[in-house]
Amino acid sequence: MSKKISPVGKITHIYSKIGVAIVKFSKPVAVGQLVRFKGNSTDFVQSIESIQYDHKQIKKATKGQEVGIKVNEKIHEGDKIFLEA
């Protein structure tokens, strides 16, 4: 029996030229954590390498905060983010 995994964030905007996604997190997420990006045509896992808030590097995004994170692959607005175990 598998338990339902709920997303910790959602992509609200994309800057594809620089490979940055704007994400609204519903739970705290820190640099170094492994996350899965999932959507209709998106499904990949990566470690969060950097988080920026108001153009400044931060170590952790808090609940409800909208931040920029660097992504390694193509993503889409509305894609969800899940924490990987």
PDB file of N, CA and C in Angstrom:
ATOM      1  N   MET A   1       0.842  -1.195   0.000  1.00  0.00           N
ATOM      2  CA  MET A   1       0.000   0.000   0.000  1.00  0.00           C
ATOM      3  C   MET A   1       0.881   1.249   0.000  1.00  0.00           C
ATOM      4  N   SER A   2       0.725   2.099  -0.996  1.00  0.00           N
ATOM      5  CA  SER A   2       1.546   3.306  -1.057  1.00  0.00           C
ATOM      6  C   SER A   2       0.764   4.488  -0.506  1.00  0.00           C
ATOM      7  N   LYS A   3       1.463   5.335   0.220  1.00  0.00           N
ATOM      8  CA  LYS A   3       0.773   6.498   0.774  1.00  0.00           C
ATOM      9  C   LYS A   3       0.801   7.638  -0.231  1.00  0.00           C
ATOM     10  N   LYS A   4      -0.195   8.496  -0.151  1.00  0.00           N
ATOM     11  CA  LYS A   4      -0.305   9.634  -1.065  1.00  0.00           C
ATOM     12  C   LYS A   4       0.752  10.662  -0.685  1.00  0.00           C
ATOM     13  N   ILE A   5       1.545  11.046  -1.662  1.00  0.00           N
ATOM     14  CA  ILE A   5       2.571  12.051  -1.423  1.00  0.00           C
ATOM     15  C   ILE A   5       2.044  13.388  -1.928  1.00  0.00           C
ATOM     16  N   SER A   6       2.067  14.383  -1.057  1.00  0.00           N
ATOM     17  CA  SER A   6       1.548  15.684  -1.476  1.00  0.00           C
ATOM     18  C   SER A   6       2.695  16.599  -1.906  1.00  0.00           C
ATOM     19  N   PRO A   7       2.420  17.476  -2.862  1.00  0.00           N
ATOM     20  CA  PRO A   7       3.470  18.372  -3.355  1.00  0.00           C
ATOM     21  C   PRO A   7       3.892  19.385  -2.285  1.00  0.00           C
ATOM     22  N   VAL A   8       5.137  19.848  -2.376  1.00  0.00           N
ATOM     23  CA  VAL A   8       5.635  20.870  -1.457  1.00  0.00           C
ATOM     24  C   VAL A   8       5.728  22.229  -2.147  1.00  0.00           C
ATOM     25  N   GLY A   9       5.461  22.242  -3.458  1.00  0.00           N
ATOM     26  CA  GLY A   9       5.540  23.504  -4.175  1.00  0.00           C
ATOM     27  C   GLY A   9       4.970  23.395  -5.575  1.00  0.00           C
ATOM     28  N   LYS A  10       4.777  24.575  -6.183  1.00  0.00           N
ATOM     29  CA  LYS A  10       4.209  24.643  -7.532  1.00  0.00           C
ATOM     30  C   LYS A  10       4.945  25.718  -8.324  1.00  0.00           C
ATOM     31  N   ILE A  11       5.230  25.415  -9.599  1.00  0.00           N
ATOM     32  CA  ILE A  11       5.898  26.376 -10.482  1.00  0.00           C
ATOM     33  C   ILE A  11       4.880  27.451 -10.874  1.00  0.00           C
ATOM     34  N   THR A  12       5.209  28.718 -10.577  1.00  0.00           N
ATOM     35  CA  THR A  12       4.294  29.801 -10.931  1.00  0.00           C
ATOM     36  C   THR A  12       4.786  30.600 -12.136  1.00  0.00           C
ATOM     37  N   HIS A  13       6.101  30.534 -12.410  1.00  0.00           N
ATOM     38  CA  HIS A  13       6.655  31.262 -13.557  1.00  0.00           C
ATOM     39  C   HIS A  13       7.984  30.625 -13.945  1.00  0.00           C
ATOM     40  N   ILE A  14       8.375  30.798 -15.200  1.00  0.00           N
ATOM     41  CA  ILE A  14       9.622  30.208 -15.679  1.00  0.00           C
ATOM     42  C   ILE A  14      10.427  31.259 -16.442  1.00  0.00           C
ATOM     43  N   TYR A  15      11.729  31.273 -16.166  1.00  0.00           N
ATOM     44  CA  TYR A  15      12.668  32.056 -16.964  1.00  0.00           C
ATOM     45  C   TYR A  15      13.535  31.026 -17.690  1.00  0.00           C
ATOM     46  N   SER A  16      13.057  30.543 -18.835  1.00  0.00           N
ATOM     47  CA  SER A  16      13.705  29.420 -19.507  1.00  0.00           C
ATOM     48  C   SER A  16      15.105  29.748 -20.013  1.00  0.00           C
ATOM     49  N   LYS A  17      15.354  30.992 -20.420  1.00  0.00           N
ATOM     50  CA  LYS A  17      16.678  31.352 -20.942  1.00  0.00           C
ATOM     51  C   LYS A  17      17.772  31.175 -19.888  1.00  0.00           C
ATOM     52  N   ILE A  18      17.453  31.443 -18.629  1.00  0.00           N
ATOM     53  CA  ILE A  18      18.466  31.328 -17.566  1.00  0.00           C
ATOM     54  C   ILE A  18      18.241  30.084 -16.706  1.00  0.00           C
ATOM     55  N   GLY A  19      17.238  29.266 -17.043  1.00  0.00           N
ATOM     56  CA  GLY A  19      17.005  28.015 -16.333  1.00  0.00           C
ATOM     57  C   GLY A  19      16.559  28.197 -14.896  1.00  0.00           C
ATOM     58  N   VAL A  20      15.665  29.158 -14.687  1.00  0.00           N
ATOM     59  CA  VAL A  20      15.177  29.433 -13.332  1.00  0.00           C
ATOM     60  C   VAL A  20      13.663  29.292 -13.290  1.00  0.00           C
ATOM     61  N   ALA A  21      13.196  28.656 -12.228  1.00  0.00           N
ATOM     62  CA  ALA A  21      11.758  28.521 -12.001  1.00  0.00           C
ATOM     63  C   ALA A  21      11.377  29.326 -10.773  1.00  0.00           C
ATOM     64  N   ILE A  22      10.256  30.035 -10.859  1.00  0.00           N
ATOM     65  CA  ILE A  22       9.704  30.700  -9.681  1.00  0.00           C
ATOM     66  C   ILE A  22       8.728  29.711  -9.060  1.00  0.00           C
ATOM     67  N   VAL A  23       8.948  29.417  -7.792  1.00  0.00           N
ATOM     68  CA  VAL A  23       8.190  28.380  -7.100  1.00  0.00           C
ATOM     69  C   VAL A  23       7.555  28.942  -5.852  1.00  0.00           C
ATOM     70  N   LYS A  24       6.283  28.597  -5.660  1.00  0.00           N
ATOM     71  CA  LYS A  24       5.623  28.925  -4.399  1.00  0.00           C
ATOM     72  C   LYS A  24       5.603  27.635  -3.583  1.00  0.00           C
ATOM     73  N   PHE A  25       6.301  27.663  -2.438  1.00  0.00           N
ATOM     74  CA  PHE A  25       6.402  26.477  -1.591  1.00  0.00           C
ATOM     75  C   PHE A  25       5.317  26.463  -0.523  1.00  0.00           C
ATOM     76  N   SER A  26       4.768  25.265  -0.267  1.00  0.00           N
ATOM     77  CA  SER A  26       3.758  25.103   0.781  1.00  0.00           C
ATOM     78  C   SER A  26       4.379  24.501   2.045  1.00  0.00           C
ATOM     79  N   LYS A  27       5.666  24.122   1.936  1.00  0.00           N
ATOM     80  CA  LYS A  27       6.426  23.597   3.083  1.00  0.00           C
ATOM     81  C   LYS A  27       7.846  24.130   2.965  1.00  0.00           C
ATOM     82  N   PRO A  28       8.576  24.235   4.075  1.00  0.00           N
ATOM     83  CA  PRO A  28       9.966  24.694   3.979  1.00  0.00           C
ATOM     84  C   PRO A  28      10.825  23.724   3.172  1.00  0.00           C
ATOM     85  N   VAL A  29      11.672  24.273   2.315  1.00  0.00           N
ATOM     86  CA  VAL A  29      12.575  23.466   1.497  1.00  0.00           C
ATOM     87  C   VAL A  29      13.940  24.157   1.514  1.00  0.00           C
ATOM     88  N   ALA A  30      15.007  23.363   1.664  1.00  0.00           N
ATOM     89  CA  ALA A  30      16.349  23.930   1.805  1.00  0.00           C
ATOM     90  C   ALA A  30      17.257  23.526   0.650  1.00  0.00           C
ATOM     91  N   VAL A  31      18.314  24.318   0.461  1.00  0.00           N
ATOM     92  CA  VAL A  31      19.353  23.997  -0.512  1.00  0.00           C
ATOM     93  C   VAL A  31      19.932  22.635  -0.142  1.00  0.00           C
ATOM     94  N   GLY A  32      20.162  21.786  -1.146  1.00  0.00           N
ATOM     95  CA  GLY A  32      20.718  20.468  -0.910  1.00  0.00           C
ATOM     96  C   GLY A  32      19.679  19.360  -0.880  1.00  0.00           C
ATOM     97  N   GLN A  33      18.389  19.737  -0.718  1.00  0.00           N
ATOM     98  CA  GLN A  33      17.348  18.707  -0.688  1.00  0.00           C
ATOM     99  C   GLN A  33      17.081  18.179  -2.091  1.00  0.00           C
ATOM    100  N   LEU A  34      16.715  16.900  -2.149  1.00  0.00           N
ATOM    101  CA  LEU A  34      16.400  16.248  -3.410  1.00  0.00           C
ATOM    102  C   LEU A  34      14.899  16.387  -3.666  1.00  0.00           C
ATOM    103  N   VAL A  35      14.538  16.897  -4.836  1.00  0.00           N
ATOM    104  CA  VAL A  35      13.129  17.099  -5.170  1.00  0.00           C
ATOM    105  C   VAL A  35      12.821  16.502  -6.535  1.00  0.00           C
ATOM    106  N   ARG A  36      11.547  16.186  -6.747  1.00  0.00           N
ATOM    107  CA  ARG A  36      11.066  15.688  -8.033  1.00  0.00           C
ATOM    108  C   ARG A  36      10.130  16.733  -8.631  1.00  0.00           C
ATOM    109  N   PHE A  37      10.391  17.107  -9.881  1.00  0.00           N
ATOM    110  CA  PHE A  37       9.511  18.002 -10.633  1.00  0.00           C
ATOM    111  C   PHE A  37       8.587  17.118 -11.449  1.00  0.00           C
ATOM    112  N   LYS A  38       7.281  17.329 -11.315  1.00  0.00           N
ATOM    113  CA  LYS A  38       6.331  16.454 -12.004  1.00  0.00           C
ATOM    114  C   LYS A  38       5.191  17.269 -12.600  1.00  0.00           C
ATOM    115  N   GLY A  39       4.881  16.962 -13.865  1.00  0.00           N
ATOM    116  CA  GLY A  39       3.776  17.604 -14.564  1.00  0.00           C
ATOM    117  C   GLY A  39       3.327  16.704 -15.702  1.00  0.00           C
ATOM    118  N   ASN A  40       2.508  17.230 -16.607  1.00  0.00           N
ATOM    119  CA  ASN A  40       2.004  16.432 -17.727  1.00  0.00           C
ATOM    120  C   ASN A  40       3.124  15.847 -18.577  1.00  0.00           C
ATOM    121  N   SER A  41       4.165  16.646 -18.844  1.00  0.00           N
ATOM    122  CA  SER A  41       5.281  16.147 -19.657  1.00  0.00           C
ATOM    123  C   SER A  41       6.617  16.333 -18.932  1.00  0.00           C
ATOM    124  N   THR A  42       6.553  16.483 -17.624  1.00  0.00           N
ATOM    125  CA  THR A  42       7.749  16.703 -16.805  1.00  0.00           C
ATOM    126  C   THR A  42       7.834  15.621 -15.747  1.00  0.00           C
ATOM    127  N   ASP A  43       9.011  15.046 -15.566  1.00  0.00           N
ATOM    128  CA  ASP A  43       9.232  14.106 -14.470  1.00  0.00           C
ATOM    129  C   ASP A  43      10.726  13.875 -14.325  1.00  0.00           C
ATOM    130  N   PHE A  44      11.359  14.626 -13.429  1.00  0.00           N
ATOM    131  CA  PHE A  44      12.786  14.433 -13.180  1.00  0.00           C
ATOM    132  C   PHE A  44      13.112  14.815 -11.745  1.00  0.00           C
ATOM    133  N   VAL A  45      14.237  14.287 -11.284  1.00  0.00           N
ATOM    134  CA  VAL A  45      14.688  14.527  -9.913  1.00  0.00           C
ATOM    135  C   VAL A  45      15.987  15.316  -9.969  1.00  0.00           C
ATOM    136  N   GLN A  46      16.120  16.286  -9.079  1.00  0.00           N
ATOM    137  CA  GLN A  46      17.380  17.010  -8.958  1.00  0.00           C
ATOM    138  C   GLN A  46      17.522  17.545  -7.540  1.00  0.00           C
ATOM    139  N   SER A  47      18.748  17.854  -7.191  1.00  0.00           N
ATOM    140  CA  SER A  47      19.040  18.474  -5.899  1.00  0.00           C
ATOM    141  C   SER A  47      18.872  19.984  -6.074  1.00  0.00           C
ATOM    142  N   ILE A  48      18.345  20.652  -5.066  1.00  0.00           N
ATOM    143  CA  ILE A  48      18.216  22.113  -5.136  1.00  0.00           C
ATOM    144  C   ILE A  48      19.596  22.710  -4.893  1.00  0.00           C
ATOM    145  N   GLU A  49      20.127  23.369  -5.921  1.00  0.00           N
ATOM    146  CA  GLU A  49      21.483  23.906  -5.853  1.00  0.00           C
ATOM    147  C   GLU A  49      21.504  25.337  -5.334  1.00  0.00           C
ATOM    148  N   SER A  50      20.470  26.101  -5.653  1.00  0.00           N
ATOM    149  CA  SER A  50      20.422  27.479  -5.151  1.00  0.00           C
ATOM    150  C   SER A  50      18.977  27.948  -5.056  1.00  0.00           C
ATOM    151  N   ILE A  51      18.738  28.764  -4.047  1.00  0.00           N
ATOM    152  CA  ILE A  51      17.424  29.389  -3.854  1.00  0.00           C
ATOM    153  C   ILE A  51      17.670  30.888  -3.734  1.00  0.00           C
ATOM    154  N   GLN A  52      16.884  31.655  -4.470  1.00  0.00           N
ATOM    155  CA  GLN A  52      17.004  33.110  -4.368  1.00  0.00           C
ATOM    156  C   GLN A  52      15.662  33.712  -4.000  1.00  0.00           C
ATOM    157  N   TYR A  53      15.724  34.693  -3.106  1.00  0.00           N
ATOM    158  CA  TYR A  53      14.540  35.461  -2.726  1.00  0.00           C
ATOM    159  C   TYR A  53      14.913  36.927  -2.843  1.00  0.00           C
ATOM    160  N   ASP A  54      14.159  37.662  -3.631  1.00  0.00           N
ATOM    161  CA  ASP A  54      14.444  39.088  -3.837  1.00  0.00           C
ATOM    162  C   ASP A  54      15.883  39.288  -4.340  1.00  0.00           C
ATOM    163  N   HIS A  55      16.317  38.435  -5.263  1.00  0.00           N
ATOM    164  CA  HIS A  55      17.640  38.475  -5.903  1.00  0.00           C
ATOM    165  C   HIS A  55      18.793  38.240  -4.943  1.00  0.00           C
ATOM    166  N   LYS A  56      18.516  37.668  -3.768  1.00  0.00           N
ATOM    167  CA  LYS A  56      19.568  37.345  -2.808  1.00  0.00           C
ATOM    168  C   LYS A  56      19.540  35.846  -2.529  1.00  0.00           C
ATOM    169  N   GLN A  57      20.732  35.245  -2.405  1.00  0.00           N
ATOM    170  CA  GLN A  57      20.823  33.822  -2.090  1.00  0.00           C
ATOM    171  C   GLN A  57      20.311  33.568  -0.672  1.00  0.00           C
ATOM    172  N   ILE A  58      19.475  32.541  -0.522  1.00  0.00           N
ATOM    173  CA  ILE A  58      19.044  32.117   0.810  1.00  0.00           C
ATOM    174  C   ILE A  58      19.262  30.609   0.914  1.00  0.00           C
ATOM    175  N   LYS A  59      19.331  30.096   2.130  1.00  0.00           N
ATOM    176  CA  LYS A  59      19.591  28.670   2.331  1.00  0.00           C
ATOM    177  C   LYS A  59      18.308  27.854   2.405  1.00  0.00           C
ATOM    178  N   LYS A  60      17.188  28.529   2.735  1.00  0.00           N
ATOM    179  CA  LYS A  60      15.938  27.801   2.938  1.00  0.00           C
ATOM    180  C   LYS A  60      14.747  28.669   2.545  1.00  0.00           C
ATOM    181  N   ALA A  61      13.798  28.064   1.828  1.00  0.00           N
ATOM    182  CA  ALA A  61      12.546  28.750   1.492  1.00  0.00           C
ATOM    183  C   ALA A  61      11.516  28.356   2.544  1.00  0.00           C
ATOM    184  N   THR A  62      10.771  29.335   3.045  1.00  0.00           N
ATOM    185  CA  THR A  62       9.769  29.043   4.060  1.00  0.00           C
ATOM    186  C   THR A  62       8.406  28.814   3.431  1.00  0.00           C
ATOM    187  N   LYS A  63       7.486  28.292   4.210  1.00  0.00           N
ATOM    188  CA  LYS A  63       6.128  28.015   3.736  1.00  0.00           C
ATOM    189  C   LYS A  63       5.488  29.308   3.217  1.00  0.00           C
ATOM    190  N   GLY A  64       4.902  29.233   2.021  1.00  0.00           N
ATOM    191  CA  GLY A  64       4.215  30.391   1.452  1.00  0.00           C
ATOM    192  C   GLY A  64       5.125  31.358   0.704  1.00  0.00           C
ATOM    193  N   GLN A  65       6.434  31.149   0.795  1.00  0.00           N
ATOM    194  CA  GLN A  65       7.389  32.042   0.136  1.00  0.00           C
ATOM    195  C   GLN A  65       7.504  31.695  -1.348  1.00  0.00           C
ATOM    196  N   GLU A  66       7.616  32.729  -2.167  1.00  0.00           N
ATOM    197  CA  GLU A  66       7.808  32.523  -3.602  1.00  0.00           C
ATOM    198  C   GLU A  66       9.262  32.840  -3.918  1.00  0.00           C
ATOM    199  N   VAL A  67       9.987  31.836  -4.425  1.00  0.00           N
ATOM    200  CA  VAL A  67      11.431  31.973  -4.627  1.00  0.00           C
ATOM    201  C   VAL A  67      11.832  31.503  -6.019  1.00  0.00           C
ATOM    202  N   GLY A  68      13.049  31.844  -6.407  1.00  0.00           N
ATOM    203  CA  GLY A  68      13.613  31.366  -7.660  1.00  0.00           C
ATOM    204  C   GLY A  68      14.566  30.227  -7.371  1.00  0.00           C
ATOM    205  N   ILE A  69      14.444  29.144  -8.133  1.00  0.00           N
ATOM    206  CA  ILE A  69      15.404  28.049  -8.008  1.00  0.00           C
ATOM    207  C   ILE A  69      15.928  27.681  -9.389  1.00  0.00           C
ATOM    208  N   LYS A  70      17.187  27.283  -9.423  1.00  0.00           N
ATOM    209  CA  LYS A  70      17.831  26.869 -10.666  1.00  0.00           C
ATOM    210  C   LYS A  70      17.358  25.455 -11.005  1.00  0.00           C
ATOM    211  N   VAL A  71      16.966  25.234 -12.267  1.00  0.00           N
ATOM    212  CA  VAL A  71      16.531  23.898 -12.685  1.00  0.00           C
ATOM    213  C   VAL A  71      17.411  23.404 -13.825  1.00  0.00           C
ATOM    214  N   ASN A  72      17.614  22.085 -13.871  1.00  0.00           N
ATOM    215  CA  ASN A  72      18.514  21.486 -14.855  1.00  0.00           C
ATOM    216  C   ASN A  72      17.812  21.044 -16.130  1.00  0.00           C
ATOM    217  N   GLU A  73      16.491  20.942 -16.095  1.00  0.00           N
ATOM    218  CA  GLU A  73      15.750  20.464 -17.268  1.00  0.00           C
ATOM    219  C   GLU A  73      14.570  21.379 -17.549  1.00  0.00           C
ATOM    220  N   LYS A  74      13.923  21.128 -18.682  1.00  0.00           N
ATOM    221  CA  LYS A  74      12.760  21.937 -19.089  1.00  0.00           C
ATOM    222  C   LYS A  74      11.573  21.651 -18.172  1.00  0.00           C
ATOM    223  N   ILE A  75      10.943  22.703 -17.716  1.00  0.00           N
ATOM    224  CA  ILE A  75       9.767  22.575 -16.849  1.00  0.00           C
ATOM    225  C   ILE A  75       8.655  23.472 -17.388  1.00  0.00           C
ATOM    226  N   HIS A  76       7.492  23.374 -16.792  1.00  0.00           N
ATOM    227  CA  HIS A  76       6.333  24.137 -17.256  1.00  0.00           C
ATOM    228  C   HIS A  76       5.609  24.768 -16.071  1.00  0.00           C
ATOM    229  N   GLU A  77       4.967  25.911 -16.330  1.00  0.00           N
ATOM    230  CA  GLU A  77       4.151  26.530 -15.289  1.00  0.00           C
ATOM    231  C   GLU A  77       3.079  25.539 -14.869  1.00  0.00           C
ATOM    232  N   GLY A  78       2.839  25.469 -13.570  1.00  0.00           N
ATOM    233  CA  GLY A  78       1.835  24.544 -13.052  1.00  0.00           C
ATOM    234  C   GLY A  78       2.406  23.205 -12.627  1.00  0.00           C
ATOM    235  N   ASP A  79       3.659  22.889 -13.044  1.00  0.00           N
ATOM    236  CA  ASP A  79       4.292  21.651 -12.582  1.00  0.00           C
ATOM    237  C   ASP A  79       4.404  21.699 -11.064  1.00  0.00           C
ATOM    238  N   LYS A  80       4.366  20.533 -10.450  1.00  0.00           N
ATOM    239  CA  LYS A  80       4.442  20.452  -8.997  1.00  0.00           C
ATOM    240  C   LYS A  80       5.810  19.905  -8.570  1.00  0.00           C
ATOM    241  N   ILE A  81       6.171  20.206  -7.331  1.00  0.00           N
ATOM    242  CA  ILE A  81       7.438  19.750  -6.769  1.00  0.00           C
ATOM    243  C   ILE A  81       7.154  18.889  -5.558  1.00  0.00           C
ATOM    244  N   PHE A  82       7.831  17.748  -5.507  1.00  0.00           N
ATOM    245  CA  PHE A  82       7.689  16.805  -4.397  1.00  0.00           C
ATOM    246  C   PHE A  82       9.051  16.564  -3.770  1.00  0.00           C
ATOM    247  N   LEU A  83       9.101  16.341  -2.457  1.00  0.00           N
ATOM    248  CA  LEU A  83      10.358  15.970  -1.812  1.00  0.00           C
ATOM    249  C   LEU A  83      10.621  14.496  -2.093  1.00  0.00           C
ATOM    250  N   GLU A  84      11.852  14.173  -2.394  1.00  0.00           N
ATOM    251  CA  GLU A  84      12.262  12.779  -2.606  1.00  0.00           C
ATOM    252  C   GLU A  84      12.778  12.230  -1.291  1.00  0.00           C
ATOM    253  N   ALA A  85      12.457  10.977  -1.028  1.00  0.00           N
ATOM    254  CA  ALA A  85      12.892  10.350   0.230  1.00  0.00           C
ATOM    255  C   ALA A  85      14.380  10.037   0.176  1.00  0.00           C
TER     256      ALA A  85
END
